[in-house]
Amino acid sequence: MMSCAEVMSIMRLDQNKFWIVPFEDHHITMANLRDIDADLLNAYGRPFIQQQKIHGLSFTALHEGTIIAMWGLYPLFKGKAEAWLIPTHELTHGKLTFQKGAKRFFPYSAQKCNLNRIQSFVCSTNVVAYKWIESMYFKREGRLKMFGPDNLDYFIYARIF
């Protein structure tokens, strides 16, 4: 498990502009979600995200007091976890800083939590999302036909440590 201060330090975020807080369910209603992410959350059902919230592994990033992203790791079994991310329209304000920080977050989390695999499912129509996960050094392992709650195809990505 990680503290918010630890995540801030690992991601090298400027505390004058950025802040990391524990993810809470109500952050979703406070956030200005992109249509594709709001549609996906509605398809999964909002309670789904409550199941993903793990203390010390689920975070919300703020830029100048506005939510820019919510993310976390969900332990599957020993050495394995699933990564999730809900970006907002405001992520554009700190996109590069968040991107650089996320590149440090994954290997640090793997070491800290004794993970040898982090995986993630990404909707095949969400080009921005799969380009982002690929920039985090995740590799596409396959395509899951009609996998999601929206009956769309999803890619499964993984990063091995």
C-alpha atoms as a PDB file:
ATOM      1  CA  MET A   1       0.000   0.000   0.000  1.00  0.00           C
ATOM      2  CA  MET A   2       1.118   3.536  -0.687  1.00  0.00           C
ATOM      3  CA  SER A   3       0.415   6.892   0.885  1.00  0.00           C
ATOM      4  CA  CYS A   4      -0.625   9.884  -1.184  1.00  0.00           C
ATOM      5  CA  ALA A   5       2.552  11.701  -0.150  1.00  0.00           C
ATOM      6  CA  GLU A   6       4.581   8.735  -1.378  1.00  0.00           C
ATOM      7  CA  VAL A   7       2.760   8.771  -4.743  1.00  0.00           C
ATOM      8  CA  MET A   8       3.306  12.550  -5.028  1.00  0.00           C
ATOM      9  CA  SER A   9       7.017  12.013  -4.436  1.00  0.00           C
ATOM     10  CA  ILE A  10       7.322   9.103  -6.879  1.00  0.00           C
ATOM     11  CA  MET A  11       5.418  10.988  -9.588  1.00  0.00           C
ATOM     12  CA  ARG A  12       7.485  14.143  -8.848  1.00  0.00           C
ATOM     13  CA  LEU A  13       4.456  16.399  -8.808  1.00  0.00           C
ATOM     14  CA  ASP A  14       4.717  20.084  -7.928  1.00  0.00           C
ATOM     15  CA  GLN A  15       2.679  20.524  -4.733  1.00  0.00           C
ATOM     16  CA  ASN A  16       1.831  24.086  -5.717  1.00  0.00           C
ATOM     17  CA  LYS A  17      -0.192  22.857  -8.704  1.00  0.00           C
ATOM     18  CA  PHE A  18      -0.853  19.136  -8.175  1.00  0.00           C
ATOM     19  CA  TRP A  19      -2.144  17.072  -5.321  1.00  0.00           C
ATOM     20  CA  ILE A  20      -2.888  13.384  -4.863  1.00  0.00           C
ATOM     21  CA  VAL A  21      -5.693  12.329  -2.514  1.00  0.00           C
ATOM     22  CA  PRO A  22      -7.267   8.937  -1.783  1.00  0.00           C
ATOM     23  CA  PHE A  23      -9.904   8.085  -4.380  1.00  0.00           C
ATOM     24  CA  GLU A  24     -13.470   8.363  -3.090  1.00  0.00           C
ATOM     25  CA  ASP A  25     -16.646   7.356  -4.930  1.00  0.00           C
ATOM     26  CA  HIS A  26     -18.019  10.911  -4.965  1.00  0.00           C
ATOM     27  CA  HIS A  27     -15.002  12.082  -7.003  1.00  0.00           C
ATOM     28  CA  ILE A  28     -16.713  10.582 -10.063  1.00  0.00           C
ATOM     29  CA  THR A  29     -19.693  12.893  -9.651  1.00  0.00           C
ATOM     30  CA  MET A  30     -17.385  15.865  -9.080  1.00  0.00           C
ATOM     31  CA  ALA A  31     -15.293  15.166 -12.183  1.00  0.00           C
ATOM     32  CA  ASN A  32     -15.885  16.493 -15.684  1.00  0.00           C
ATOM     33  CA  LEU A  33     -15.746  13.104 -17.414  1.00  0.00           C
ATOM     34  CA  ARG A  34     -15.169  12.659 -21.107  1.00  0.00           C
ATOM     35  CA  ASP A  35     -18.240  11.231 -22.874  1.00  0.00           C
ATOM     36  CA  ILE A  36     -16.527   7.917 -23.652  1.00  0.00           C
ATOM     37  CA  ASP A  37     -15.582   7.412 -19.983  1.00  0.00           C
ATOM     38  CA  ALA A  38     -18.993   8.487 -18.651  1.00  0.00           C
ATOM     39  CA  ASP A  39     -20.672   6.069 -21.076  1.00  0.00           C
ATOM     40  CA  LEU A  40     -18.387   3.258 -19.962  1.00  0.00           C
ATOM     41  CA  LEU A  41     -19.006   3.945 -16.274  1.00  0.00           C
ATOM     42  CA  ASN A  42     -22.740   3.939 -16.913  1.00  0.00           C
ATOM     43  CA  ALA A  43     -22.457   0.667 -18.856  1.00  0.00           C
ATOM     44  CA  TYR A  44     -20.523  -0.988 -16.019  1.00  0.00           C
ATOM     45  CA  GLY A  45     -22.787   0.548 -13.425  1.00  0.00           C
ATOM     46  CA  ARG A  46     -21.428   3.144 -11.035  1.00  0.00           C
ATOM     47  CA  PRO A  47     -21.164   0.659  -8.121  1.00  0.00           C
ATOM     48  CA  PHE A  48     -18.544  -1.219 -10.154  1.00  0.00           C
ATOM     49  CA  ILE A  49     -15.958   1.441  -9.390  1.00  0.00           C
ATOM     50  CA  GLN A  50     -16.631   1.047  -5.665  1.00  0.00           C
ATOM     51  CA  GLN A  51     -15.383  -2.529  -5.992  1.00  0.00           C
ATOM     52  CA  GLN A  52     -12.147  -1.257  -7.540  1.00  0.00           C
ATOM     53  CA  LYS A  53     -11.407   1.153  -4.690  1.00  0.00           C
ATOM     54  CA  ILE A  54      -8.654  -0.236  -2.494  1.00  0.00           C
ATOM     55  CA  HIS A  55      -7.244   1.913   0.328  1.00  0.00           C
ATOM     56  CA  GLY A  56      -3.625   2.755  -0.440  1.00  0.00           C
ATOM     57  CA  LEU A  57      -3.953   1.686  -4.087  1.00  0.00           C
ATOM     58  CA  SER A  58      -6.636   4.077  -5.425  1.00  0.00           C
ATOM     59  CA  PHE A  59      -5.941   7.749  -6.012  1.00  0.00           C
ATOM     60  CA  THR A  60      -7.338  10.983  -7.391  1.00  0.00           C
ATOM     61  CA  ALA A  61      -5.082  13.588  -8.976  1.00  0.00           C
ATOM     62  CA  LEU A  62      -5.998  17.259  -8.753  1.00  0.00           C
ATOM     63  CA  HIS A  63      -4.517  20.142 -10.699  1.00  0.00           C
ATOM     64  CA  GLU A  64      -5.104  23.506  -9.037  1.00  0.00           C
ATOM     65  CA  GLY A  65      -8.044  21.979  -7.121  1.00  0.00           C
ATOM     66  CA  THR A  66      -9.751  20.336 -10.119  1.00  0.00           C
ATOM     67  CA  ILE A  67      -9.900  16.566 -10.615  1.00  0.00           C
ATOM     68  CA  ILE A  68      -7.835  15.536 -13.627  1.00  0.00           C
ATOM     69  CA  ALA A  69      -7.730  11.745 -13.160  1.00  0.00           C
ATOM     70  CA  MET A  70      -8.725   8.872 -10.892  1.00  0.00           C
ATOM     71  CA  TRP A  71      -6.781   5.619 -10.986  1.00  0.00           C
ATOM     72  CA  GLY A  72      -5.625   2.655  -9.058  1.00  0.00           C
ATOM     73  CA  LEU A  73      -4.522  -0.928  -8.854  1.00  0.00           C
ATOM     74  CA  TYR A  74      -6.842  -3.777  -7.991  1.00  0.00           C
ATOM     75  CA  PRO A  75      -5.077  -6.876  -6.617  1.00  0.00           C
ATOM     76  CA  LEU A  76      -6.115 -10.049  -8.417  1.00  0.00           C
ATOM     77  CA  PHE A  77      -3.927 -12.632  -6.716  1.00  0.00           C
ATOM     78  CA  LYS A  78      -0.310 -12.946  -5.558  1.00  0.00           C
ATOM     79  CA  GLY A  79       1.924 -10.873  -7.800  1.00  0.00           C
ATOM     80  CA  LYS A  80      -0.895  -9.755 -10.120  1.00  0.00           C
ATOM     81  CA  ALA A  81      -2.988  -6.579 -10.256  1.00  0.00           C
ATOM     82  CA  GLU A  82      -5.281  -4.774 -12.646  1.00  0.00           C
ATOM     83  CA  ALA A  83      -4.750  -1.086 -13.404  1.00  0.00           C
ATOM     84  CA  TRP A  84      -7.693   1.257 -13.964  1.00  0.00           C
ATOM     85  CA  LEU A  85      -7.857   4.910 -14.973  1.00  0.00           C
ATOM     86  CA  ILE A  86     -10.671   7.415 -15.338  1.00  0.00           C
ATOM     87  CA  PRO A  87      -9.345  10.603 -16.960  1.00  0.00           C
ATOM     88  CA  THR A  88     -11.280  13.870 -17.126  1.00  0.00           C
ATOM     89  CA  HIS A  89     -11.453  16.712 -19.628  1.00  0.00           C
ATOM     90  CA  GLU A  90      -9.165  18.694 -17.314  1.00  0.00           C
ATOM     91  CA  LEU A  91      -6.316  16.207 -17.691  1.00  0.00           C
ATOM     92  CA  THR A  92      -5.133  18.381 -20.587  1.00  0.00           C
ATOM     93  CA  HIS A  93      -3.955  20.943 -17.986  1.00  0.00           C
ATOM     94  CA  GLY A  94      -1.397  18.566 -16.512  1.00  0.00           C
ATOM     95  CA  LYS A  95      -1.218  15.881 -19.181  1.00  0.00           C
ATOM     96  CA  LEU A  96       2.541  15.812 -19.713  1.00  0.00           C
ATOM     97  CA  THR A  97       3.327  16.006 -15.996  1.00  0.00           C
ATOM     98  CA  PHE A  98       0.803  13.250 -15.201  1.00  0.00           C
ATOM     99  CA  GLN A  99       2.134  11.098 -18.062  1.00  0.00           C
ATOM    100  CA  LYS A 100       5.720  11.361 -16.835  1.00  0.00           C
ATOM    101  CA  GLY A 101       4.585  10.635 -13.288  1.00  0.00           C
ATOM    102  CA  ALA A 102       2.562   7.591 -14.354  1.00  0.00           C
ATOM    103  CA  LYS A 103       5.649   6.160 -16.046  1.00  0.00           C
ATOM    104  CA  ARG A 104       7.334   6.213 -12.623  1.00  0.00           C
ATOM    105  CA  PHE A 105       4.206   5.053 -10.765  1.00  0.00           C
ATOM    106  CA  PHE A 106       3.928   1.641 -12.426  1.00  0.00           C
ATOM    107  CA  PRO A 107       7.440   0.278 -11.769  1.00  0.00           C
ATOM    108  CA  TYR A 108       7.452   1.721  -8.254  1.00  0.00           C
ATOM    109  CA  SER A 109       4.058   0.137  -7.523  1.00  0.00           C
ATOM    110  CA  ALA A 110       5.221  -3.189  -8.900  1.00  0.00           C
ATOM    111  CA  GLN A 111       8.239  -3.160  -6.604  1.00  0.00           C
ATOM    112  CA  LYS A 112       6.385  -1.832  -3.561  1.00  0.00           C
ATOM    113  CA  CYS A 113       3.483  -4.310  -3.902  1.00  0.00           C
ATOM    114  CA  ASN A 114       5.584  -7.272  -5.078  1.00  0.00           C
ATOM    115  CA  LEU A 115       3.846  -7.402  -8.451  1.00  0.00           C
ATOM    116  CA  ASN A 116       5.277  -9.202 -11.449  1.00  0.00           C
ATOM    117  CA  ARG A 117       2.302  -8.391 -13.701  1.00  0.00           C
ATOM    118  CA  ILE A 118      -0.022  -5.412 -14.037  1.00  0.00           C
ATOM    119  CA  GLN A 119      -2.777  -5.750 -16.613  1.00  0.00           C
ATOM    120  CA  SER A 120      -5.538  -3.575 -17.985  1.00  0.00           C
ATOM    121  CA  PHE A 121      -8.517  -3.882 -20.314  1.00  0.00           C
ATOM    122  CA  VAL A 122      -8.998  -1.088 -22.865  1.00  0.00           C
ATOM    123  CA  CYS A 123     -11.965  -0.615 -25.203  1.00  0.00           C
ATOM    124  CA  SER A 124     -10.840  -1.145 -28.790  1.00  0.00           C
ATOM    125  CA  THR A 125     -12.659   2.019 -29.914  1.00  0.00           C
ATOM    126  CA  ASN A 126     -10.885   4.219 -27.346  1.00  0.00           C
ATOM    127  CA  VAL A 127      -7.806   5.137 -29.383  1.00  0.00           C
ATOM    128  CA  VAL A 128      -6.585   7.715 -26.844  1.00  0.00           C
ATOM    129  CA  ALA A 129      -6.707   5.113 -24.054  1.00  0.00           C
ATOM    130  CA  TYR A 130      -4.834   2.373 -25.854  1.00  0.00           C
ATOM    131  CA  LYS A 131      -2.189   4.768 -27.130  1.00  0.00           C
ATOM    132  CA  TRP A 132      -1.730   5.986 -23.554  1.00  0.00           C
ATOM    133  CA  ILE A 133      -1.391   2.495 -22.057  1.00  0.00           C
ATOM    134  CA  GLU A 134       1.104   1.600 -24.774  1.00  0.00           C
ATOM    135  CA  SER A 135       3.117   4.716 -23.857  1.00  0.00           C
ATOM    136  CA  MET A 136       3.274   3.261 -20.325  1.00  0.00           C
ATOM    137  CA  TYR A 137       5.154   0.252 -21.801  1.00  0.00           C
ATOM    138  CA  PHE A 138       2.192  -2.124 -21.590  1.00  0.00           C
ATOM    139  CA  LYS A 139       2.029  -4.703 -24.381  1.00  0.00           C
ATOM    140  CA  ARG A 140      -1.166  -5.770 -26.102  1.00  0.00           C
ATOM    141  CA  GLU A 141      -1.746  -9.462 -25.471  1.00  0.00           C
ATOM    142  CA  GLY A 142      -5.001  -9.998 -27.305  1.00  0.00           C
ATOM    143  CA  ARG A 143      -8.448  -8.889 -28.372  1.00  0.00           C
ATOM    144  CA  LEU A 144     -11.515  -9.941 -26.404  1.00  0.00           C
ATOM    145  CA  LYS A 145     -14.582 -10.049 -28.642  1.00  0.00           C
ATOM    146  CA  MET A 146     -17.788  -8.515 -27.220  1.00  0.00           C
ATOM    147  CA  PHE A 147     -16.090  -8.405 -23.823  1.00  0.00           C
ATOM    148  CA  GLY A 148     -17.298  -5.209 -22.169  1.00  0.00           C
ATOM    149  CA  PRO A 149     -20.665  -4.299 -20.713  1.00  0.00           C
ATOM    150  CA  ASP A 150     -21.198  -2.289 -23.889  1.00  0.00           C
ATOM    151  CA  ASN A 151     -20.642  -5.466 -26.000  1.00  0.00           C
ATOM    152  CA  LEU A 152     -17.616  -3.885 -27.654  1.00  0.00           C
ATOM    153  CA  ASP A 153     -14.273  -5.547 -28.204  1.00  0.00           C
ATOM    154  CA  TYR A 154     -11.533  -4.867 -25.660  1.00  0.00           C
ATOM    155  CA  PHE A 155      -7.781  -5.263 -25.790  1.00  0.00           C
ATOM    156  CA  ILE A 156      -5.971  -6.782 -22.861  1.00  0.00           C
ATOM    157  CA  TYR A 157      -2.655  -5.168 -22.054  1.00  0.00           C
ATOM    158  CA  ALA A 158      -0.009  -6.243 -19.578  1.00  0.00           C
ATOM    159  CA  ARG A 159       3.291  -5.057 -18.263  1.00  0.00           C
ATOM    160  CA  ILE A 160       5.626  -7.662 -16.824  1.00  0.00           C
ATOM    161  CA  PHE A 161       8.118  -6.703 -14.108  1.00  0.00           C
END
